Every structure is written in structure tokens, then in C-alpha cells.
């Protein structure tokens, strides 16, 4: 496949194009390895177990801004 030049696009236009390309894919078109599936399961289990220990993102950002 020949390389396609995108230098004529601004960074924002390239980011928009990436988004459009990503959204054009169906979930079954994106390969996921077994290791990635295992990691997703591990993270979901951790989330379910530790759900009450989380903090709201706005609270964390406010802490950073105070420092």
C-alpha cells in the first residue's frame, strides 16, 4: 500500500480524520489479543471490588489546582 501524505492537513484536521476512521470500524474489526481480554477482565474485577474507593475526577483536579 502506498503511503498517503497528510502534511497539508492541520493537526486538528488529522485528529478529526483519525476519529472518523476509528468510528468507521465495527467492534469485530478491531483485533483484541487474549492478553488484552485478560487485562480487561482483571480491571473490571478490580473496579467492581474497589468501586467505593474511587474519587470524582473533578475532586482530583481541584486537589491538583490547590497544590
PDB file of N, CA and C in Angstrom:
ATOM      1  N   UNK A   1       0.849  -1.182   0.000  1.00  0.00           N
ATOM      2  CA  UNK A   1       0.000   0.000   0.000  1.00  0.00           C
ATOM      3  C   UNK A   1       0.888   1.236   0.000  1.00  0.00           C
ATOM      4  N   UNK A   2       0.606   2.151  -0.847  1.00  0.00           N
ATOM      5  CA  UNK A   2       1.383   3.381  -0.944  1.00  0.00           C
ATOM      6  C   UNK A   2       1.066   4.300   0.229  1.00  0.00           C
ATOM      7  N   UNK A   3       2.078   5.037   0.658  1.00  0.00           N
ATOM      8  CA  UNK A   3       1.895   5.992   1.750  1.00  0.00           C
ATOM      9  C   UNK A   3       1.025   7.151   1.270  1.00  0.00           C
ATOM     10  N   UNK A   4       0.187   7.640   2.155  1.00  0.00           N
ATOM     11  CA  UNK A   4      -0.677   8.782   1.857  1.00  0.00           C
ATOM     12  C   UNK A   4      -0.137   9.978   2.622  1.00  0.00           C
ATOM     13  N   UNK A   5       0.037  11.082   1.947  1.00  0.00           N
ATOM     14  CA  UNK A   5       0.554  12.293   2.579  1.00  0.00           C
ATOM     15  C   UNK A   5      -0.585  13.067   3.260  1.00  0.00           C
ATOM     16  N   UNK A   6      -0.349  13.468   4.483  1.00  0.00           N
ATOM     17  CA  UNK A   6      -1.337  14.225   5.236  1.00  0.00           C
ATOM     18  C   UNK A   6      -0.781  15.567   5.717  1.00  0.00           C
ATOM     19  N   UNK A   7       0.401  15.920   5.240  1.00  0.00           N
ATOM     20  CA  UNK A   7       1.049  17.143   5.712  1.00  0.00           C
ATOM     21  C   UNK A   7       0.249  18.404   5.396  1.00  0.00           C
ATOM     22  N   UNK A   8      -0.612  18.342   4.406  1.00  0.00           N
ATOM     23  CA  UNK A   8      -1.408  19.525   4.051  1.00  0.00           C
ATOM     24  C   UNK A   8      -2.542  19.764   5.052  1.00  0.00           C
ATOM     25  N   UNK A   9      -2.802  18.787   5.905  1.00  0.00           N
ATOM     26  CA  UNK A   9      -3.855  18.936   6.918  1.00  0.00           C
ATOM     27  C   UNK A   9      -3.262  19.500   8.204  1.00  0.00           C
ATOM     28  N   UNK A  10      -4.038  20.295   8.894  1.00  0.00           N
ATOM     29  CA  UNK A  10      -3.607  20.806  10.196  1.00  0.00           C
ATOM     30  C   UNK A  10      -3.632  19.668  11.211  1.00  0.00           C
ATOM     31  N   UNK A  11      -2.949  19.834  12.334  1.00  0.00           N
ATOM     32  CA  UNK A  11      -3.018  18.789  13.366  1.00  0.00           C
ATOM     33  C   UNK A  11      -4.455  18.474  13.779  1.00  0.00           C
ATOM     34  N   UNK A  12      -5.306  19.476  13.915  1.00  0.00           N
ATOM     35  CA  UNK A  12      -6.690  19.231  14.304  1.00  0.00           C
ATOM     36  C   UNK A  12      -7.433  18.457  13.226  1.00  0.00           C
ATOM     37  N   UNK A  13      -7.172  18.782  11.974  1.00  0.00           N
ATOM     38  CA  UNK A  13      -7.818  18.050  10.886  1.00  0.00           C
ATOM     39  C   UNK A  13      -7.372  16.592  10.869  1.00  0.00           C
ATOM     40  N   UNK A  14      -6.098  16.358  11.152  1.00  0.00           N
ATOM     41  CA  UNK A  14      -5.606  14.973  11.207  1.00  0.00           C
ATOM     42  C   UNK A  14      -6.238  14.211  12.364  1.00  0.00           C
ATOM     43  N   UNK A  15      -6.376  14.889  13.507  1.00  0.00           N
ATOM     44  CA  UNK A  15      -7.034  14.249  14.648  1.00  0.00           C
ATOM     45  C   UNK A  15      -8.486  13.924  14.328  1.00  0.00           C
ATOM     46  N   UNK A  16      -9.158  14.847  13.663  1.00  0.00           N
ATOM     47  CA  UNK A  16     -10.545  14.602  13.255  1.00  0.00           C
ATOM     48  C   UNK A  16     -10.625  13.402  12.312  1.00  0.00           C
ATOM     49  N   UNK A  17      -9.673  13.300  11.397  1.00  0.00           N
ATOM     50  CA  UNK A  17      -9.637  12.181  10.463  1.00  0.00           C
ATOM     51  C   UNK A  17      -9.427  10.863  11.202  1.00  0.00           C
ATOM     52  N   UNK A  18      -8.523  10.864  12.173  1.00  0.00           N
ATOM     53  CA  UNK A  18      -8.307   9.661  12.988  1.00  0.00           C
ATOM     54  C   UNK A  18      -9.617   9.238  13.642  1.00  0.00           C
ATOM     55  N   UNK A  19     -10.330  10.205  14.208  1.00  0.00           N
ATOM     56  CA  UNK A  19     -11.608   9.903  14.845  1.00  0.00           C
ATOM     57  C   UNK A  19     -12.610   9.324  13.867  1.00  0.00           C
ATOM     58  N   UNK A  20     -12.667   9.906  12.692  1.00  0.00           N
ATOM     59  CA  UNK A  20     -13.608   9.409  11.684  1.00  0.00           C
ATOM     60  C   UNK A  20     -13.251   7.993  11.251  1.00  0.00           C
ATOM     61  N   UNK A  21     -11.950   7.743  11.075  1.00  0.00           N
ATOM     62  CA  UNK A  21     -11.519   6.391  10.705  1.00  0.00           C
ATOM     63  C   UNK A  21     -11.862   5.389  11.802  1.00  0.00           C
ATOM     64  N   UNK A  22     -11.587   5.771  13.054  1.00  0.00           N
ATOM     65  CA  UNK A  22     -11.859   4.875  14.178  1.00  0.00           C
ATOM     66  C   UNK A  22     -13.350   4.555  14.267  1.00  0.00           C
ATOM     67  N   UNK A  23     -14.180   5.576  14.130  1.00  0.00           N
ATOM     68  CA  UNK A  23     -15.625   5.388  14.228  1.00  0.00           C
ATOM     69  C   UNK A  23     -16.181   4.562  13.074  1.00  0.00           C
ATOM     70  N   UNK A  24     -15.441   4.478  11.974  1.00  0.00           N
ATOM     71  CA  UNK A  24     -15.908   3.706  10.831  1.00  0.00           C
ATOM     72  C   UNK A  24     -15.710   2.202  11.023  1.00  0.00           C
ATOM     73  N   UNK A  25     -14.940   1.816  12.033  1.00  0.00           N
ATOM     74  CA  UNK A  25     -14.679   0.399  12.291  1.00  0.00           C
ATOM     75  C   UNK A  25     -15.786  -0.205  13.146  1.00  0.00           C
ATOM     76  N   UNK A  26     -16.136  -1.432  12.853  1.00  0.00           N
ATOM     77  CA  UNK A  26     -17.072  -2.167  13.700  1.00  0.00           C
ATOM     78  C   UNK A  26     -16.266  -2.836  14.814  1.00  0.00           C
ATOM     79  N   UNK A  27     -16.877  -3.099  15.966  1.00  0.00           N
ATOM     80  CA  UNK A  27     -16.123  -3.706  17.067  1.00  0.00           C
ATOM     81  C   UNK A  27     -15.409  -5.004  16.687  1.00  0.00           C
ATOM     82  N   UNK A  28     -16.013  -5.808  15.844  1.00  0.00           N
ATOM     83  CA  UNK A  28     -15.367  -7.065  15.470  1.00  0.00           C
ATOM     84  C   UNK A  28     -14.219  -6.866  14.488  1.00  0.00           C
ATOM     85  N   UNK A  29     -14.037  -5.652  13.959  1.00  0.00           N
ATOM     86  CA  UNK A  29     -12.939  -5.369  13.044  1.00  0.00           C
ATOM     87  C   UNK A  29     -11.649  -5.007  13.781  1.00  0.00           C
ATOM     88  N   UNK A  30     -11.743  -4.765  15.090  1.00  0.00           N
ATOM     89  CA  UNK A  30     -10.583  -4.382  15.887  1.00  0.00           C
ATOM     90  C   UNK A  30     -10.094  -5.615  16.641  1.00  0.00           C
ATOM     91  N   UNK A  31      -8.916  -6.116  16.276  1.00  0.00           N
ATOM     92  CA  UNK A  31      -8.431  -7.329  16.935  1.00  0.00           C
ATOM     93  C   UNK A  31      -8.037  -7.053  18.391  1.00  0.00           C
ATOM     94  N   UNK A  32      -8.390  -7.983  19.260  1.00  0.00           N
ATOM     95  CA  UNK A  32      -8.033  -7.900  20.672  1.00  0.00           C
ATOM     96  C   UNK A  32      -7.344  -9.216  21.029  1.00  0.00           C
ATOM     97  N   UNK A  33      -6.142  -9.108  21.583  1.00  0.00           N
ATOM     98  CA  UNK A  33      -5.407 -10.316  21.942  1.00  0.00           C
ATOM     99  C   UNK A  33      -5.987 -10.927  23.212  1.00  0.00           C
ATOM    100  N   UNK A  34      -5.650 -12.168  23.463  1.00  0.00           N
ATOM    101  CA  UNK A  34      -6.104 -12.818  24.692  1.00  0.00           C
ATOM    102  C   UNK A  34      -5.555 -12.097  25.917  1.00  0.00           C
ATOM    103  N   UNK A  35      -4.318 -11.618  25.827  1.00  0.00           N
ATOM    104  CA  UNK A  35      -3.728 -10.871  26.945  1.00  0.00           C
ATOM    105  C   UNK A  35      -4.533  -9.599  27.227  1.00  0.00           C
ATOM    106  N   UNK A  36      -4.977  -8.912  26.189  1.00  0.00           N
ATOM    107  CA  UNK A  36      -5.796  -7.709  26.376  1.00  0.00           C
ATOM    108  C   UNK A  36      -7.146  -8.060  26.985  1.00  0.00           C
ATOM    109  N   UNK A  37      -7.748  -9.148  26.543  1.00  0.00           N
ATOM    110  CA  UNK A  37      -9.016  -9.586  27.119  1.00  0.00           C
ATOM    111  C   UNK A  37      -8.853  -9.911  28.591  1.00  0.00           C
ATOM    112  N   UNK A  38      -7.760 -10.584  28.942  1.00  0.00           N
ATOM    113  CA  UNK A  38      -7.492 -10.915  30.348  1.00  0.00           C
ATOM    114  C   UNK A  38      -7.317  -9.653  31.174  1.00  0.00           C
ATOM    115  N   UNK A  39      -6.624  -8.663  30.625  1.00  0.00           N
ATOM    116  CA  UNK A  39      -6.409  -7.407  31.353  1.00  0.00           C
ATOM    117  C   UNK A  39      -7.728  -6.671  31.560  1.00  0.00           C
ATOM    118  N   UNK A  40      -8.588  -6.674  30.562  1.00  0.00           N
ATOM    119  CA  UNK A  40      -9.907  -6.049  30.705  1.00  0.00           C
ATOM    120  C   UNK A  40     -10.687  -6.734  31.827  1.00  0.00           C
ATOM    121  N   UNK A  41     -10.683  -8.059  31.850  1.00  0.00           N
ATOM    122  CA  UNK A  41     -11.382  -8.796  32.909  1.00  0.00           C
ATOM    123  C   UNK A  41     -10.812  -8.455  34.274  1.00  0.00           C
ATOM    124  N   UNK A  42      -9.468  -8.360  34.366  1.00  0.00           N
ATOM    125  CA  UNK A  42      -8.831  -8.035  35.639  1.00  0.00           C
ATOM    126  C   UNK A  42      -9.240  -6.639  36.108  1.00  0.00           C
ATOM    127  N   UNK A  43      -9.222  -5.689  35.199  1.00  0.00           N
ATOM    128  CA  UNK A  43      -9.583  -4.318  35.568  1.00  0.00           C
ATOM    129  C   UNK A  43     -11.056  -4.204  35.969  1.00  0.00           C
ATOM    130  N   UNK A  44     -11.928  -4.908  35.268  1.00  0.00           N
ATOM    131  CA  UNK A  44     -13.346  -4.879  35.632  1.00  0.00           C
ATOM    132  C   UNK A  44     -13.570  -5.489  37.012  1.00  0.00           C
ATOM    133  N   UNK A  45     -12.849  -6.567  37.311  1.00  0.00           N
ATOM    134  CA  UNK A  45     -12.965  -7.185  38.633  1.00  0.00           C
ATOM    135  C   UNK A  45     -12.473  -6.217  39.710  1.00  0.00           C
ATOM    136  N   UNK A  46     -11.376  -5.523  39.436  1.00  0.00           N
ATOM    137  CA  UNK A  46     -10.852  -4.540  40.387  1.00  0.00           C
ATOM    138  C   UNK A  46     -11.845  -3.401  40.570  1.00  0.00           C
ATOM    139  N   UNK A  47     -12.429  -2.946  39.494  1.00  0.00           N
ATOM    140  CA  UNK A  47     -13.424  -1.874  39.574  1.00  0.00           C
ATOM    141  C   UNK A  47     -14.608  -2.300  40.430  1.00  0.00           C
ATOM    142  N   UNK A  48     -15.125  -3.488  40.177  1.00  0.00           N
ATOM    143  CA  UNK A  48     -16.265  -3.979  40.952  1.00  0.00           C
ATOM    144  C   UNK A  48     -15.917  -4.104  42.428  1.00  0.00           C
ATOM    145  N   UNK A  49     -14.706  -4.563  42.715  1.00  0.00           N
ATOM    146  CA  UNK A  49     -14.290  -4.774  44.101  1.00  0.00           C
ATOM    147  C   UNK A  49     -14.041  -3.450  44.818  1.00  0.00           C
ATOM    148  N   UNK A  50     -13.451  -2.475  44.137  1.00  0.00           N
ATOM    149  CA  UNK A  50     -12.995  -1.243  44.777  1.00  0.00           C
ATOM    150  C   UNK A  50     -13.822  -0.016  44.396  1.00  0.00           C
ATOM    151  N   UNK A  51     -15.040  -0.215  43.931  1.00  0.00           N
ATOM    152  CA  UNK A  51     -15.843   0.887  43.406  1.00  0.00           C
ATOM    153  C   UNK A  51     -16.030   2.022  44.419  1.00  0.00           C
ATOM    154  N   UNK A  52     -16.120   1.707  45.687  1.00  0.00           N
ATOM    155  CA  UNK A  52     -16.339   2.735  46.705  1.00  0.00           C
ATOM    156  C   UNK A  52     -15.081   3.515  47.058  1.00  0.00           C
ATOM    157  N   UNK A  53     -13.934   3.078  46.573  1.00  0.00           N
ATOM    158  CA  UNK A  53     -12.680   3.758  46.894  1.00  0.00           C
ATOM    159  C   UNK A  53     -12.319   4.830  45.871  1.00  0.00           C
ATOM    160  N   UNK A  54     -13.089   4.927  44.815  1.00  0.00           N
ATOM    161  CA  UNK A  54     -12.791   5.890  43.765  1.00  0.00           C
ATOM    162  C   UNK A  54     -13.143   7.310  44.171  1.00  0.00           C
ATOM    163  N   UNK A  55     -12.618   8.269  43.414  1.00  0.00           N
ATOM    164  CA  UNK A  55     -12.911   9.682  43.634  1.00  0.00           C
ATOM    165  C   UNK A  55     -13.354  10.295  42.321  1.00  0.00           C
ATOM    166  N   UNK A  56     -14.181  11.291  42.417  1.00  0.00           N
ATOM    167  CA  UNK A  56     -14.661  12.010  41.256  1.00  0.00           C
ATOM    168  C   UNK A  56     -13.502  12.770  40.604  1.00  0.00           C
ATOM    169  N   UNK A  57     -13.437  12.748  39.281  1.00  0.00           N
ATOM    170  CA  UNK A  57     -12.351  13.412  38.557  1.00  0.00           C
ATOM    171  C   UNK A  57     -12.295  14.903  38.879  1.00  0.00           C
ATOM    172  N   UNK A  58     -13.440  15.550  39.055  1.00  0.00           N
ATOM    173  CA  UNK A  58     -13.451  16.980  39.385  1.00  0.00           C
ATOM    174  C   UNK A  58     -12.796  17.237  40.733  1.00  0.00           C
ATOM    175  N   UNK A  59     -13.011  16.343  41.702  1.00  0.00           N
ATOM    176  CA  UNK A  59     -12.375  16.487  43.013  1.00  0.00           C
ATOM    177  C   UNK A  59     -10.858  16.358  42.913  1.00  0.00           C
ATOM    178  N   UNK A  60     -10.402  15.411  42.105  1.00  0.00           N
ATOM    179  CA  UNK A  60      -8.962  15.211  41.938  1.00  0.00           C
ATOM    180  C   UNK A  60      -8.335  16.421  41.260  1.00  0.00           C
ATOM    181  N   UNK A  61      -8.984  16.943  40.221  1.00  0.00           N
ATOM    182  CA  UNK A  61      -8.465  18.130  39.546  1.00  0.00           C
ATOM    183  C   UNK A  61      -8.425  19.321  40.491  1.00  0.00           C
ATOM    184  N   UNK A  62      -9.432  19.466  41.329  1.00  0.00           N
ATOM    185  CA  UNK A  62      -9.444  20.567  42.305  1.00  0.00           C
ATOM    186  C   UNK A  62      -8.273  20.437  43.261  1.00  0.00           C
ATOM    187  N   UNK A  63      -7.944  19.217  43.686  1.00  0.00           N
ATOM    188  CA  UNK A  63      -6.786  18.987  44.550  1.00  0.00           C
ATOM    189  C   UNK A  63      -5.497  19.414  43.849  1.00  0.00           C
ATOM    190  N   UNK A  64      -5.353  19.052  42.595  1.00  0.00           N
ATOM    191  CA  UNK A  64      -4.155  19.433  41.843  1.00  0.00           C
ATOM    192  C   UNK A  64      -4.042  20.951  41.731  1.00  0.00           C
ATOM    193  N   UNK A  65      -5.147  21.599  41.490  1.00  0.00           N
ATOM    194  CA  UNK A  65      -5.104  23.051  41.326  1.00  0.00           C
ATOM    195  C   UNK A  65      -4.767  23.765  42.645  1.00  0.00           C
ATOM    196  N   UNK A  66      -5.149  23.175  43.756  1.00  0.00           N
ATOM    197  CA  UNK A  66      -4.838  23.773  45.056  1.00  0.00           C
ATOM    198  C   UNK A  66      -3.358  23.642  45.401  1.00  0.00           C
ATOM    199  N   UNK A  67      -2.704  22.664  44.825  1.00  0.00           N
ATOM    200  CA  UNK A  67      -1.281  22.427  45.163  1.00  0.00           C
ATOM    201  C   UNK A  67      -0.363  23.376  44.428  1.00  0.00           C
TER     202      UNK A  67
END
